[in-house]
């Protein structure tokens, strides 16, 4: 999870870029923060998906095998 300070900085830089533009250093900082945010988001989403079970209308487990394999890796 990204700290509140970093999220606030991302938002500040975004607003500033729209209103007055960013310096070269600020552009680099924005890019670095965005990459960190995306890495964190993707990791969180992968962990969430590992806990999902897909069930069809008849109650059968139809979770894709790849997801089942990931769950088993996590448990062992």
PDB file of N, CA and C in Angstrom:
ATOM      1  N   UNK A   1       0.835  -1.174   0.000  1.00  0.00           N
ATOM      2  CA  UNK A   1       0.000   0.000   0.000  1.00  0.00           C
ATOM      3  C   UNK A   1       0.882   1.240   0.000  1.00  0.00           C
ATOM      4  N   UNK A   2       0.551   2.164  -0.842  1.00  0.00           N
ATOM      5  CA  UNK A   2       1.288   3.418  -0.937  1.00  0.00           C
ATOM      6  C   UNK A   2       0.884   4.334   0.208  1.00  0.00           C
ATOM      7  N   UNK A   3       1.854   5.054   0.745  1.00  0.00           N
ATOM      8  CA  UNK A   3       1.554   5.948   1.866  1.00  0.00           C
ATOM      9  C   UNK A   3       0.656   7.102   1.415  1.00  0.00           C
ATOM     10  N   UNK A   4      -0.066   7.656   2.356  1.00  0.00           N
ATOM     11  CA  UNK A   4      -0.948   8.790   2.057  1.00  0.00           C
ATOM     12  C   UNK A   4      -0.148   9.984   1.539  1.00  0.00           C
ATOM     13  N   UNK A   5       1.072  10.154   2.043  1.00  0.00           N
ATOM     14  CA  UNK A   5       1.919  11.261   1.578  1.00  0.00           C
ATOM     15  C   UNK A   5       2.246  11.119   0.095  1.00  0.00           C
ATOM     16  N   UNK A   6       2.555   9.903  -0.319  1.00  0.00           N
ATOM     17  CA  UNK A   6       2.895   9.683  -1.732  1.00  0.00           C
ATOM     18  C   UNK A   6       1.673   9.867  -2.623  1.00  0.00           C
ATOM     19  N   UNK A   7       0.522   9.400  -2.178  1.00  0.00           N
ATOM     20  CA  UNK A   7      -0.706   9.583  -2.964  1.00  0.00           C
ATOM     21  C   UNK A   7      -1.036  11.063  -3.071  1.00  0.00           C
ATOM     22  N   UNK A   8      -0.871  11.790  -1.973  1.00  0.00           N
ATOM     23  CA  UNK A   8      -1.113  13.234  -1.995  1.00  0.00           C
ATOM     24  C   UNK A   8      -0.149  13.921  -2.960  1.00  0.00           C
ATOM     25  N   UNK A   9       1.084  13.467  -2.986  1.00  0.00           N
ATOM     26  CA  UNK A   9       2.084  14.066  -3.892  1.00  0.00           C
ATOM     27  C   UNK A   9       1.719  13.762  -5.347  1.00  0.00           C
ATOM     28  N   UNK A  10       1.282  12.552  -5.630  1.00  0.00           N
ATOM     29  CA  UNK A  10       0.846  12.196  -6.985  1.00  0.00           C
ATOM     30  C   UNK A  10      -0.283  13.124  -7.413  1.00  0.00           C
ATOM     31  N   UNK A  11      -1.258  13.304  -6.538  1.00  0.00           N
ATOM     32  CA  UNK A  11      -2.398  14.170  -6.854  1.00  0.00           C
ATOM     33  C   UNK A  11      -1.969  15.618  -7.051  1.00  0.00           C
ATOM     34  N   UNK A  12      -1.072  16.092  -6.200  1.00  0.00           N
ATOM     35  CA  UNK A  12      -0.578  17.463  -6.336  1.00  0.00           C
ATOM     36  C   UNK A  12       0.118  17.663  -7.679  1.00  0.00           C
ATOM     37  N   UNK A  13       1.004  16.737  -8.028  1.00  0.00           N
ATOM     38  CA  UNK A  13       1.742  16.861  -9.289  1.00  0.00           C
ATOM     39  C   UNK A  13       0.806  16.784 -10.485  1.00  0.00           C
ATOM     40  N   UNK A  14      -0.218  15.968 -10.381  1.00  0.00           N
ATOM     41  CA  UNK A  14      -1.191  15.863 -11.467  1.00  0.00           C
ATOM     42  C   UNK A  14      -1.923  17.184 -11.669  1.00  0.00           C
ATOM     43  N   UNK A  15      -2.386  17.773 -10.576  1.00  0.00           N
ATOM     44  CA  UNK A  15      -3.093  19.055 -10.668  1.00  0.00           C
ATOM     45  C   UNK A  15      -2.172  20.145 -11.194  1.00  0.00           C
ATOM     46  N   UNK A  16      -0.940  20.149 -10.697  1.00  0.00           N
ATOM     47  CA  UNK A  16       0.014  21.175 -11.131  1.00  0.00           C
ATOM     48  C   UNK A  16       0.329  21.031 -12.617  1.00  0.00           C
ATOM     49  N   UNK A  17       0.455  19.792 -13.092  1.00  0.00           N
ATOM     50  CA  UNK A  17       0.784  19.587 -14.511  1.00  0.00           C
ATOM     51  C   UNK A  17      -0.331  20.110 -15.408  1.00  0.00           C
ATOM     52  N   UNK A  18      -1.577  20.011 -14.927  1.00  0.00           N
ATOM     53  CA  UNK A  18      -2.713  20.499 -15.715  1.00  0.00           C
ATOM     54  C   UNK A  18      -2.834  22.013 -15.665  1.00  0.00           C
ATOM     55  N   UNK A  19      -2.458  22.606 -14.545  1.00  0.00           N
ATOM     56  CA  UNK A  19      -2.661  24.048 -14.402  1.00  0.00           C
ATOM     57  C   UNK A  19      -1.487  24.871 -14.905  1.00  0.00           C
ATOM     58  N   UNK A  20      -0.273  24.512 -14.505  1.00  0.00           N
ATOM     59  CA  UNK A  20       0.867  25.360 -14.878  1.00  0.00           C
ATOM     60  C   UNK A  20       2.044  24.614 -15.485  1.00  0.00           C
ATOM     61  N   UNK A  21       2.001  23.311 -15.432  1.00  0.00           N
ATOM     62  CA  UNK A  21       3.100  22.519 -15.982  1.00  0.00           C
ATOM     63  C   UNK A  21       4.104  22.131 -14.912  1.00  0.00           C
ATOM     64  N   UNK A  22       4.923  21.141 -15.224  1.00  0.00           N
ATOM     65  CA  UNK A  22       5.906  20.628 -14.274  1.00  0.00           C
ATOM     66  C   UNK A  22       7.319  20.903 -14.756  1.00  0.00           C
ATOM     67  N   UNK A  23       8.233  21.033 -13.809  1.00  0.00           N
ATOM     68  CA  UNK A  23       9.645  21.143 -14.153  1.00  0.00           C
ATOM     69  C   UNK A  23      10.134  19.748 -14.543  1.00  0.00           C
ATOM     70  N   UNK A  24      11.325  19.673 -15.083  1.00  0.00           N
ATOM     71  CA  UNK A  24      11.904  18.388 -15.455  1.00  0.00           C
ATOM     72  C   UNK A  24      12.025  17.447 -14.274  1.00  0.00           C
ATOM     73  N   UNK A  25      12.453  17.985 -13.125  1.00  0.00           N
ATOM     74  CA  UNK A  25      12.582  17.173 -11.916  1.00  0.00           C
ATOM     75  C   UNK A  25      11.219  16.661 -11.452  1.00  0.00           C
ATOM     76  N   UNK A  26      10.217  17.511 -11.518  1.00  0.00           N
ATOM     77  CA  UNK A  26       8.869  17.104 -11.104  1.00  0.00           C
ATOM     78  C   UNK A  26       8.304  16.041 -12.042  1.00  0.00           C
ATOM     79  N   UNK A  27       8.611  16.141 -13.316  1.00  0.00           N
ATOM     80  CA  UNK A  27       8.149  15.124 -14.267  1.00  0.00           C
ATOM     81  C   UNK A  27       8.769  13.771 -13.943  1.00  0.00           C
ATOM     82  N   UNK A  28      10.068  13.774 -13.609  1.00  0.00           N
ATOM     83  CA  UNK A  28      10.741  12.526 -13.236  1.00  0.00           C
ATOM     84  C   UNK A  28      10.138  11.947 -11.959  1.00  0.00           C
ATOM     85  N   UNK A  29       9.887  12.828 -10.985  1.00  0.00           N
ATOM     86  CA  UNK A  29       9.294  12.389  -9.727  1.00  0.00           C
ATOM     87  C   UNK A  29       7.901  11.805  -9.958  1.00  0.00           C
ATOM     88  N   UNK A  30       7.108  12.476 -10.807  1.00  0.00           N
ATOM     89  CA  UNK A  30       5.756  12.005 -11.107  1.00  0.00           C
ATOM     90  C   UNK A  30       5.798  10.626 -11.759  1.00  0.00           C
ATOM     91  N   UNK A  31       6.704  10.461 -12.694  1.00  0.00           N
ATOM     92  CA  UNK A  31       6.821   9.171 -13.377  1.00  0.00           C
ATOM     93  C   UNK A  31       7.199   8.067 -12.395  1.00  0.00           C
ATOM     94  N   UNK A  32       8.158   8.359 -11.514  1.00  0.00           N
ATOM     95  CA  UNK A  32       8.599   7.377 -10.525  1.00  0.00           C
ATOM     96  C   UNK A  32       7.456   7.015  -9.578  1.00  0.00           C
ATOM     97  N   UNK A  33       6.725   8.018  -9.107  1.00  0.00           N
ATOM     98  CA  UNK A  33       5.607   7.758  -8.198  1.00  0.00           C
ATOM     99  C   UNK A  33       4.495   6.964  -8.877  1.00  0.00           C
ATOM    100  N   UNK A  34       4.210   7.282 -10.125  1.00  0.00           N
ATOM    101  CA  UNK A  34       3.171   6.542 -10.859  1.00  0.00           C
ATOM    102  C   UNK A  34       3.558   5.084 -11.036  1.00  0.00           C
ATOM    103  N   UNK A  35       4.827   4.838 -11.358  1.00  0.00           N
ATOM    104  CA  UNK A  35       5.300   3.461 -11.528  1.00  0.00           C
ATOM    105  C   UNK A  35       5.188   2.687 -10.218  1.00  0.00           C
ATOM    106  N   UNK A  36       5.549   3.336  -9.111  1.00  0.00           N
ATOM    107  CA  UNK A  36       5.435   2.692  -7.805  1.00  0.00           C
ATOM    108  C   UNK A  36       3.971   2.398  -7.478  1.00  0.00           C
ATOM    109  N   UNK A  37       3.087   3.347  -7.786  1.00  0.00           N
ATOM    110  CA  UNK A  37       1.657   3.160  -7.545  1.00  0.00           C
ATOM    111  C   UNK A  37       1.134   1.964  -8.346  1.00  0.00           C
ATOM    112  N   UNK A  38       1.499   1.899  -9.623  1.00  0.00           N
ATOM    113  CA  UNK A  38       1.022   0.798 -10.470  1.00  0.00           C
ATOM    114  C   UNK A  38       1.559  -0.553  -9.993  1.00  0.00           C
ATOM    115  N   UNK A  39       2.817  -0.588  -9.572  1.00  0.00           N
ATOM    116  CA  UNK A  39       3.395  -1.830  -9.049  1.00  0.00           C
ATOM    117  C   UNK A  39       2.606  -2.295  -7.825  1.00  0.00           C
ATOM    118  N   UNK A  40       2.321  -1.370  -6.930  1.00  0.00           N
ATOM    119  CA  UNK A  40       1.575  -1.691  -5.717  1.00  0.00           C
ATOM    120  C   UNK A  40       0.158  -2.149  -6.047  1.00  0.00           C
ATOM    121  N   UNK A  41      -0.498  -1.442  -6.962  1.00  0.00           N
ATOM    122  CA  UNK A  41      -1.854  -1.794  -7.361  1.00  0.00           C
ATOM    123  C   UNK A  41      -1.908  -3.186  -7.975  1.00  0.00           C
ATOM    124  N   UNK A  42      -0.990  -3.469  -8.883  1.00  0.00           N
ATOM    125  CA  UNK A  42      -0.973  -4.781  -9.550  1.00  0.00           C
ATOM    126  C   UNK A  42      -0.735  -5.906  -8.551  1.00  0.00           C
ATOM    127  N   UNK A  43       0.173  -5.690  -7.623  1.00  0.00           N
ATOM    128  CA  UNK A  43       0.452  -6.695  -6.603  1.00  0.00           C
ATOM    129  C   UNK A  43      -0.787  -6.958  -5.757  1.00  0.00           C
ATOM    130  N   UNK A  44      -1.458  -5.910  -5.372  1.00  0.00           N
ATOM    131  CA  UNK A  44      -2.680  -6.042  -4.576  1.00  0.00           C
ATOM    132  C   UNK A  44      -3.767  -6.780  -5.355  1.00  0.00           C
ATOM    133  N   UNK A  45      -3.903  -6.446  -6.626  1.00  0.00           N
ATOM    134  CA  UNK A  45      -4.930  -7.094  -7.452  1.00  0.00           C
ATOM    135  C   UNK A  45      -4.631  -8.582  -7.622  1.00  0.00           C
ATOM    136  N   UNK A  46      -3.369  -8.932  -7.816  1.00  0.00           N
ATOM    137  CA  UNK A  46      -2.999 -10.341  -7.949  1.00  0.00           C
ATOM    138  C   UNK A  46      -3.329 -11.104  -6.678  1.00  0.00           C
ATOM    139  N   UNK A  47      -3.050 -10.503  -5.522  1.00  0.00           N
ATOM    140  CA  UNK A  47      -3.366 -11.158  -4.246  1.00  0.00           C
ATOM    141  C   UNK A  47      -4.871 -11.332  -4.082  1.00  0.00           C
ATOM    142  N   UNK A  48      -5.638 -10.354  -4.510  1.00  0.00           N
ATOM    143  CA  UNK A  48      -7.097 -10.451  -4.434  1.00  0.00           C
ATOM    144  C   UNK A  48      -7.597 -11.581  -5.318  1.00  0.00           C
ATOM    145  N   UNK A  49      -7.077 -11.664  -6.534  1.00  0.00           N
ATOM    146  CA  UNK A  49      -7.522 -12.702  -7.461  1.00  0.00           C
ATOM    147  C   UNK A  49      -7.180 -14.104  -6.966  1.00  0.00           C
ATOM    148  N   UNK A  50      -6.107 -14.213  -6.202  1.00  0.00           N
ATOM    149  CA  UNK A  50      -5.722 -15.529  -5.678  1.00  0.00           C
ATOM    150  C   UNK A  50      -6.733 -16.068  -4.678  1.00  0.00           C
ATOM    151  N   UNK A  51      -7.573 -15.200  -4.157  1.00  0.00           N
ATOM    152  CA  UNK A  51      -8.555 -15.663  -3.182  1.00  0.00           C
ATOM    153  C   UNK A  51      -9.954 -15.830  -3.787  1.00  0.00           C
ATOM    154  N   UNK A  52     -10.064 -15.702  -5.109  1.00  0.00           N
ATOM    155  CA  UNK A  52     -11.358 -15.787  -5.788  1.00  0.00           C
ATOM    156  C   UNK A  52     -11.644 -17.217  -6.230  1.00  0.00           C
ATOM    157  N   UNK A  53     -12.883 -17.624  -6.069  1.00  0.00           N
ATOM    158  CA  UNK A  53     -13.349 -18.896  -6.611  1.00  0.00           C
ATOM    159  C   UNK A  53     -14.501 -18.583  -7.557  1.00  0.00           C
ATOM    160  N   UNK A  54     -14.441 -19.122  -8.768  1.00  0.00           N
ATOM    161  CA  UNK A  54     -15.476 -18.885  -9.772  1.00  0.00           C
ATOM    162  C   UNK A  54     -16.460 -20.052  -9.742  1.00  0.00           C
ATOM    163  N   UNK A  55     -17.735 -19.717  -9.588  1.00  0.00           N
ATOM    164  CA  UNK A  55     -18.782 -20.743  -9.507  1.00  0.00           C
ATOM    165  C   UNK A  55     -19.823 -20.444 -10.584  1.00  0.00           C
ATOM    166  N   UNK A  56     -20.214 -21.488 -11.337  1.00  0.00           N
ATOM    167  CA  UNK A  56     -21.234 -21.297 -12.371  1.00  0.00           C
ATOM    168  C   UNK A  56     -22.623 -21.286 -11.726  1.00  0.00           C
ATOM    169  N   UNK A  57     -23.666 -20.985 -12.505  1.00  0.00           N
ATOM    170  CA  UNK A  57     -25.027 -20.903 -11.943  1.00  0.00           C
ATOM    171  C   UNK A  57     -25.509 -22.182 -11.271  1.00  0.00           C
ATOM    172  N   UNK A  58     -24.927 -23.323 -11.638  1.00  0.00           N
ATOM    173  CA  UNK A  58     -25.334 -24.600 -11.045  1.00  0.00           C
ATOM    174  C   UNK A  58     -24.541 -24.938  -9.784  1.00  0.00           C
ATOM    175  N   UNK A  59     -23.631 -24.060  -9.389  1.00  0.00           N
ATOM    176  CA  UNK A  59     -22.859 -24.281  -8.170  1.00  0.00           C
ATOM    177  C   UNK A  59     -21.566 -25.035  -8.353  1.00  0.00           C
ATOM    178  N   UNK A  60     -21.171 -25.283  -9.607  1.00  0.00           N
ATOM    179  CA  UNK A  60     -19.923 -25.998  -9.875  1.00  0.00           C
ATOM    180  C   UNK A  60     -18.745 -25.030  -9.859  1.00  0.00           C
ATOM    181  N   UNK A  61     -17.642 -25.490  -9.282  1.00  0.00           N
ATOM    182  CA  UNK A  61     -16.422 -24.684  -9.264  1.00  0.00           C
ATOM    183  C   UNK A  61     -15.813 -24.705 -10.666  1.00  0.00           C
ATOM    184  N   UNK A  62     -15.779 -23.555 -11.304  1.00  0.00           N
ATOM    185  CA  UNK A  62     -15.212 -23.461 -12.655  1.00  0.00           C
ATOM    186  C   UNK A  62     -14.014 -22.505 -12.666  1.00  0.00           C
ATOM    187  N   UNK A  63     -13.327 -22.431 -11.537  1.00  0.00           N
ATOM    188  CA  UNK A  63     -12.147 -21.582 -11.426  1.00  0.00           C
ATOM    189  C   UNK A  63     -11.099 -22.072 -12.427  1.00  0.00           C
ATOM    190  N   UNK A  64     -10.502 -21.159 -13.204  1.00  0.00           N
ATOM    191  CA  UNK A  64      -9.465 -21.579 -14.152  1.00  0.00           C
ATOM    192  C   UNK A  64      -8.313 -22.299 -13.443  1.00  0.00           C
ATOM    193  N   UNK A  65      -7.770 -23.284 -14.098  1.00  0.00           N
ATOM    194  CA  UNK A  65      -6.706 -24.103 -13.509  1.00  0.00           C
ATOM    195  C   UNK A  65      -5.506 -23.256 -13.100  1.00  0.00           C
ATOM    196  N   UNK A  66      -5.185 -22.268 -13.903  1.00  0.00           N
ATOM    197  CA  UNK A  66      -4.035 -21.420 -13.591  1.00  0.00           C
ATOM    198  C   UNK A  66      -4.229 -20.728 -12.234  1.00  0.00           C
ATOM    199  N   UNK A  67      -5.435 -20.274 -11.973  1.00  0.00           N
ATOM    200  CA  UNK A  67      -5.732 -19.628 -10.696  1.00  0.00           C
ATOM    201  C   UNK A  67      -5.692 -20.642  -9.551  1.00  0.00           C
ATOM    202  N   UNK A  68      -6.194 -21.845  -9.784  1.00  0.00           N
ATOM    203  CA  UNK A  68      -6.130 -22.892  -8.762  1.00  0.00           C
ATOM    204  C   UNK A  68      -4.677 -23.221  -8.423  1.00  0.00           C
ATOM    205  N   UNK A  69      -3.822 -23.291  -9.447  1.00  0.00           N
ATOM    206  CA  UNK A  69      -2.407 -23.574  -9.226  1.00  0.00           C
ATOM    207  C   UNK A  69      -1.753 -22.481  -8.377  1.00  0.00           C
ATOM    208  N   UNK A  70      -2.098 -21.224  -8.648  1.00  0.00           N
ATOM    209  CA  UNK A  70      -1.561 -20.103  -7.861  1.00  0.00           C
ATOM    210  C   UNK A  70      -2.008 -20.202  -6.408  1.00  0.00           C
ATOM    211  N   UNK A  71      -3.258 -20.560  -6.189  1.00  0.00           N
ATOM    212  CA  UNK A  71      -3.768 -20.717  -4.822  1.00  0.00           C
ATOM    213  C   UNK A  71      -2.991 -21.805  -4.091  1.00  0.00           C
ATOM    214  N   UNK A  72      -2.765 -22.930  -4.777  1.00  0.00           N
ATOM    215  CA  UNK A  72      -2.036 -24.046  -4.154  1.00  0.00           C
ATOM    216  C   UNK A  72      -0.617 -23.668  -3.822  1.00  0.00           C
ATOM    217  N   UNK A  73       0.027 -22.866  -4.677  1.00  0.00           N
ATOM    218  CA  UNK A  73       1.392 -22.400  -4.393  1.00  0.00           C
ATOM    219  C   UNK A  73       1.405 -21.573  -3.118  1.00  0.00           C
ATOM    220  N   UNK A  74       0.385 -20.728  -2.964  1.00  0.00           N
ATOM    221  CA  UNK A  74       0.302 -19.831  -1.815  1.00  0.00           C
ATOM    222  C   UNK A  74       0.085 -20.607  -0.526  1.00  0.00           C
ATOM    223  N   UNK A  75      -0.641 -21.715  -0.608  1.00  0.00           N
ATOM    224  CA  UNK A  75      -0.946 -22.494   0.583  1.00  0.00           C
ATOM    225  C   UNK A  75       0.203 -23.368   1.028  1.00  0.00           C
ATOM    226  N   UNK A  76       1.094 -23.715   0.112  1.00  0.00           N
ATOM    227  CA  UNK A  76       2.203 -24.631   0.457  1.00  0.00           C
ATOM    228  C   UNK A  76       3.490 -23.892   0.652  1.00  0.00           C
TER     229      UNK A  76
END
